Amino acid sequence: MLNQETFLKAVGSTIQEKRVAQKMKAGDLAKSVGLSRASISNLENGRQNISAYQLYKIATALDCVRIDDLMPKTKNQVPAAVKAWLKN
């Protein structure tokens, strides 16, 4: 099981990857889900906790089929950038 810090960084990294893949700016995502751009940045960097409802709104805005598309399934699915950060 992932600890909270690792989980939040993995979810945030996935949110950022999906947002960038859609060529969406953080401010645009923030506006569509009712958060500030700073909150989106904090979420993407694992510095802010996220509620289930916020996760749902973000998943919907990013056209995810399911909310768990944003969540790591196992420790092996933690993005490489998060693994590198954890080693520091």
C-alpha atoms as a PDB file:
ATOM      1  CA  MET A   1       0.000   0.000   0.000  1.00  0.00           C
ATOM      2  CA  LEU A   2       1.210   3.506  -0.816  1.00  0.00           C
ATOM      3  CA  ASN A   3       1.601   6.066   1.931  1.00  0.00           C
ATOM      4  CA  GLN A   4      -0.367   9.304   1.612  1.00  0.00           C
ATOM      5  CA  GLU A   5       2.537  11.380   0.307  1.00  0.00           C
ATOM      6  CA  THR A   6       3.379   8.893  -2.437  1.00  0.00           C
ATOM      7  CA  PHE A   7      -0.283   8.481  -3.348  1.00  0.00           C
ATOM      8  CA  LEU A   8      -0.859  12.234  -3.682  1.00  0.00           C
ATOM      9  CA  LYS A   9       2.270  12.682  -5.803  1.00  0.00           C
ATOM     10  CA  ALA A  10       1.266   9.790  -8.071  1.00  0.00           C
ATOM     11  CA  VAL A  11      -2.287  11.093  -8.528  1.00  0.00           C
ATOM     12  CA  GLY A  12      -1.007  14.627  -9.108  1.00  0.00           C
ATOM     13  CA  SER A  13       1.532  13.471 -11.649  1.00  0.00           C
ATOM     14  CA  THR A  14      -1.172  11.570 -13.536  1.00  0.00           C
ATOM     15  CA  ILE A  15      -3.474  14.602 -13.504  1.00  0.00           C
ATOM     16  CA  GLN A  16      -0.686  16.730 -14.929  1.00  0.00           C
ATOM     17  CA  GLU A  17       0.210  14.161 -17.608  1.00  0.00           C
ATOM     18  CA  LYS A  18      -3.415  13.908 -18.765  1.00  0.00           C
ATOM     19  CA  ARG A  19      -3.873  17.693 -18.709  1.00  0.00           C
ATOM     20  CA  VAL A  20      -0.718  18.308 -20.731  1.00  0.00           C
ATOM     21  CA  ALA A  21      -1.637  15.532 -23.191  1.00  0.00           C
ATOM     22  CA  GLN A  22      -4.870  17.408 -23.873  1.00  0.00           C
ATOM     23  CA  LYS A  23      -2.940  20.670 -24.286  1.00  0.00           C
ATOM     24  CA  MET A  24      -4.954  22.147 -21.426  1.00  0.00           C
ATOM     25  CA  LYS A  25      -3.497  24.906 -19.250  1.00  0.00           C
ATOM     26  CA  ALA A  26      -3.664  24.560 -15.474  1.00  0.00           C
ATOM     27  CA  GLY A  27      -5.804  27.692 -15.335  1.00  0.00           C
ATOM     28  CA  ASP A  28      -8.303  26.203 -17.780  1.00  0.00           C
ATOM     29  CA  LEU A  29      -8.593  23.004 -15.738  1.00  0.00           C
ATOM     30  CA  ALA A  30      -8.957  25.069 -12.574  1.00  0.00           C
ATOM     31  CA  LYS A  31     -11.759  27.125 -14.058  1.00  0.00           C
ATOM     32  CA  SER A  32     -13.639  24.059 -15.305  1.00  0.00           C
ATOM     33  CA  VAL A  33     -13.579  22.373 -11.876  1.00  0.00           C
ATOM     34  CA  GLY A  34     -14.021  25.447  -9.670  1.00  0.00           C
ATOM     35  CA  LEU A  35     -10.541  25.542  -8.134  1.00  0.00           C
ATOM     36  CA  SER A  36      -7.752  28.101  -8.283  1.00  0.00           C
ATOM     37  CA  ARG A  37      -4.785  27.637 -10.596  1.00  0.00           C
ATOM     38  CA  ALA A  38      -2.612  27.458  -7.467  1.00  0.00           C
ATOM     39  CA  SER A  39      -4.742  24.568  -6.159  1.00  0.00           C
ATOM     40  CA  ILE A  40      -4.296  22.676  -9.422  1.00  0.00           C
ATOM     41  CA  SER A  41      -0.538  23.245  -9.196  1.00  0.00           C
ATOM     42  CA  ASN A  42      -0.519  22.053  -5.581  1.00  0.00           C
ATOM     43  CA  LEU A  43      -2.567  18.966  -6.492  1.00  0.00           C
ATOM     44  CA  GLU A  44      -0.310  18.137  -9.437  1.00  0.00           C
ATOM     45  CA  ASN A  45       2.750  18.388  -7.211  1.00  0.00           C
ATOM     46  CA  GLY A  46       1.267  16.326  -4.379  1.00  0.00           C
ATOM     47  CA  ARG A  47       1.221  19.245  -1.957  1.00  0.00           C
ATOM     48  CA  GLN A  48      -2.541  19.351  -1.440  1.00  0.00           C
ATOM     49  CA  ASN A  49      -4.990  16.665  -0.428  1.00  0.00           C
ATOM     50  CA  ILE A  50      -7.867  16.017  -2.804  1.00  0.00           C
ATOM     51  CA  SER A  51     -11.444  15.141  -1.981  1.00  0.00           C
ATOM     52  CA  ALA A  52     -13.289  12.387  -3.802  1.00  0.00           C
ATOM     53  CA  TYR A  53     -15.589  14.996  -5.334  1.00  0.00           C
ATOM     54  CA  GLN A  54     -12.659  17.109  -6.583  1.00  0.00           C
ATOM     55  CA  LEU A  55     -11.111  13.991  -8.065  1.00  0.00           C
ATOM     56  CA  TYR A  56     -14.404  13.207  -9.800  1.00  0.00           C
ATOM     57  CA  LYS A  57     -14.632  16.732 -11.240  1.00  0.00           C
ATOM     58  CA  ILE A  58     -11.032  16.620 -12.472  1.00  0.00           C
ATOM     59  CA  ALA A  59     -11.497  13.160 -14.001  1.00  0.00           C
ATOM     60  CA  THR A  60     -14.602  14.402 -15.798  1.00  0.00           C
ATOM     61  CA  ALA A  61     -12.829  17.548 -17.060  1.00  0.00           C
ATOM     62  CA  LEU A  62      -9.959  15.399 -18.362  1.00  0.00           C
ATOM     63  CA  ASP A  63     -12.361  13.028 -20.147  1.00  0.00           C
ATOM     64  CA  CYS A  64     -11.354  10.040 -18.041  1.00  0.00           C
ATOM     65  CA  VAL A  65     -13.634   7.055 -18.483  1.00  0.00           C
ATOM     66  CA  ARG A  66     -13.379   6.199 -14.782  1.00  0.00           C
ATOM     67  CA  ILE A  67     -12.180   8.124 -11.750  1.00  0.00           C
ATOM     68  CA  ASP A  68      -9.606   5.440 -11.025  1.00  0.00           C
ATOM     69  CA  ASP A  69      -7.875   6.337 -14.304  1.00  0.00           C
ATOM     70  CA  LEU A  70      -6.163   8.984 -12.163  1.00  0.00           C
ATOM     71  CA  MET A  71      -5.068   6.624  -9.391  1.00  0.00           C
ATOM     72  CA  PRO A  72      -2.046   4.340  -9.174  1.00  0.00           C
ATOM     73  CA  LYS A  73      -3.085   0.694  -9.074  1.00  0.00           C
ATOM     74  CA  THR A  74       0.071  -0.704  -7.500  1.00  0.00           C
ATOM     75  CA  LYS A  75       3.395   0.517  -6.265  1.00  0.00           C
ATOM     76  CA  ASN A  76       4.866  -0.454  -9.651  1.00  0.00           C
ATOM     77  CA  GLN A  77       2.557   2.000 -11.410  1.00  0.00           C
ATOM     78  CA  VAL A  78       3.858   5.062  -9.593  1.00  0.00           C
ATOM     79  CA  PRO A  79       5.170   7.414 -12.318  1.00  0.00           C
ATOM     80  CA  ALA A  80       8.945   7.499 -12.779  1.00  0.00           C
ATOM     81  CA  ALA A  81       9.079  11.208 -11.883  1.00  0.00           C
ATOM     82  CA  VAL A  82       7.501  10.458  -8.499  1.00  0.00           C
ATOM     83  CA  LYS A  83       9.901   7.551  -7.876  1.00  0.00           C
ATOM     84  CA  ALA A  84      12.840   9.849  -8.637  1.00  0.00           C
ATOM     85  CA  TRP A  85      11.524  12.524  -6.291  1.00  0.00           C
ATOM     86  CA  LEU A  86      11.053   9.985  -3.492  1.00  0.00           C
ATOM     87  CA  LYS A  87      14.704   8.909  -3.769  1.00  0.00           C
ATOM     88  CA  ASN A  88      15.880  12.461  -2.953  1.00  0.00           C
END
